Amino acid sequence: MIADVKITNGDKGAEYINDTDDHTGVWSAVQCTEDTVFATNTVCNIANFSALVTDATVFSQGQILFGRFTTIDLVSGAVIAYIA
C-alpha cells in the first residue's frame, strides 16, 4: 500500500528574517534567500547543528533546512522560516 504524502510547508505561513535579532516560534523548515550564517543561539532538532554554527558554516542561497526550529538568530544572510 502506498501512503499519500502531503507537503504542508507554507500552509500556515512563513516569516522573512533578515536581521540579527532572536526570533522565537515554531518553524518546520528554513530556506536561505541569500548565503546565510546562523548564530550560536539558534535552536533546532538537527543533530549536531551546533557544530555547524560553531564552525560558521555558510548555508548557500536556496538551501532548505528541514527540522523543528524554535529560535532563529542569524549572523548574516536572510531566510524564510516556514511556520509549523
Protein backbone atom coordinates (compact mmCIF):
# COMPACT_ATOMS: atom_id res chain seq x y z
CA MET A 1 0.00 0.00 0.00
CA ILE A 2 1.34 3.40 -0.95
CA ALA A 3 0.73 6.17 1.57
CA ASP A 4 -0.20 9.66 0.44
CA VAL A 5 2.36 12.26 1.42
CA LYS A 6 1.23 15.82 1.90
CA ILE A 7 3.76 18.62 1.98
CA THR A 8 2.45 21.30 4.32
CA ASN A 9 5.32 23.75 4.50
CA GLY A 10 3.83 27.15 3.84
CA ASP A 11 0.22 26.19 4.67
CA LYS A 12 0.46 28.10 7.96
CA GLY A 13 2.51 30.95 6.59
CA ALA A 14 6.11 31.98 6.92
CA GLU A 15 8.31 34.70 8.33
CA TYR A 16 11.09 36.52 6.49
CA ILE A 17 14.09 37.04 8.77
CA ASN A 18 16.95 39.28 7.66
CA ASP A 19 18.36 40.74 10.87
CA THR A 20 20.49 39.60 13.82
CA ASP A 21 17.71 39.62 16.44
CA ASP A 22 16.49 36.45 18.19
CA HIS A 23 13.24 35.23 16.63
CA THR A 24 11.20 32.69 18.59
CA GLY A 25 8.39 30.50 17.33
CA VAL A 26 8.00 27.05 15.83
CA TRP A 27 9.12 26.52 12.24
CA SER A 28 9.32 23.30 10.21
CA ALA A 29 11.78 24.48 7.57
CA VAL A 30 14.12 27.36 6.87
CA GLN A 31 15.03 28.43 3.32
CA CYS A 32 18.05 30.64 2.81
CA THR A 33 17.26 33.54 0.46
CA GLU A 34 20.92 34.51 0.40
CA ASP A 35 24.13 32.97 1.75
CA THR A 36 23.44 32.66 5.49
CA VAL A 37 25.32 32.01 8.73
CA PHE A 38 23.34 31.09 11.87
CA ALA A 39 24.25 32.36 15.36
CA THR A 40 25.02 30.03 18.26
CA ASN A 41 21.66 30.57 19.99
CA THR A 42 19.69 29.12 17.07
CA VAL A 43 17.72 26.16 18.45
CA CYS A 44 16.60 23.22 16.29
CA ASN A 45 16.39 19.45 16.40
CA ILE A 46 19.03 18.81 13.74
CA ALA A 47 21.67 16.58 15.34
CA ASN A 48 24.98 18.40 15.86
CA PHE A 49 23.65 21.63 14.34
CA SER A 50 25.65 23.48 16.99
CA ALA A 51 28.87 22.21 15.36
CA LEU A 52 27.81 23.75 12.04
CA VAL A 53 27.10 27.03 13.81
CA THR A 54 30.36 26.97 15.76
CA ASP A 55 32.25 26.38 12.50
CA ALA A 56 30.40 29.38 10.96
CA THR A 57 29.17 27.16 8.14
CA VAL A 58 27.73 29.20 5.27
CA PHE A 59 24.40 27.83 4.06
CA SER A 60 24.00 28.71 0.39
CA GLN A 61 21.24 30.78 -1.14
CA GLY A 62 18.33 28.47 -1.96
CA GLN A 63 19.32 25.80 0.55
CA ILE A 64 16.44 24.45 2.67
CA LEU A 65 16.92 23.02 6.17
CA PHE A 66 14.11 20.78 7.42
CA GLY A 67 13.64 20.32 11.17
CA ARG A 68 11.95 21.87 14.16
CA PHE A 69 13.34 25.35 14.81
CA THR A 70 12.27 27.24 17.94
CA THR A 71 14.81 30.08 17.89
CA ILE A 72 16.39 31.57 14.79
CA ASP A 73 19.24 34.05 15.09
CA LEU A 74 21.42 35.00 12.14
CA VAL A 75 24.98 36.28 12.00
CA SER A 76 24.44 37.22 8.36
CA GLY A 77 22.11 36.49 5.48
CA ALA A 78 18.35 36.07 5.30
CA VAL A 79 15.83 33.23 5.48
CA ILE A 80 12.19 32.40 5.03
CA ALA A 81 11.09 30.39 8.08
CA TYR A 82 8.00 28.21 7.47
CA ILE A 83 5.60 28.05 10.42
CA ALA A 84 5.00 24.50 11.72
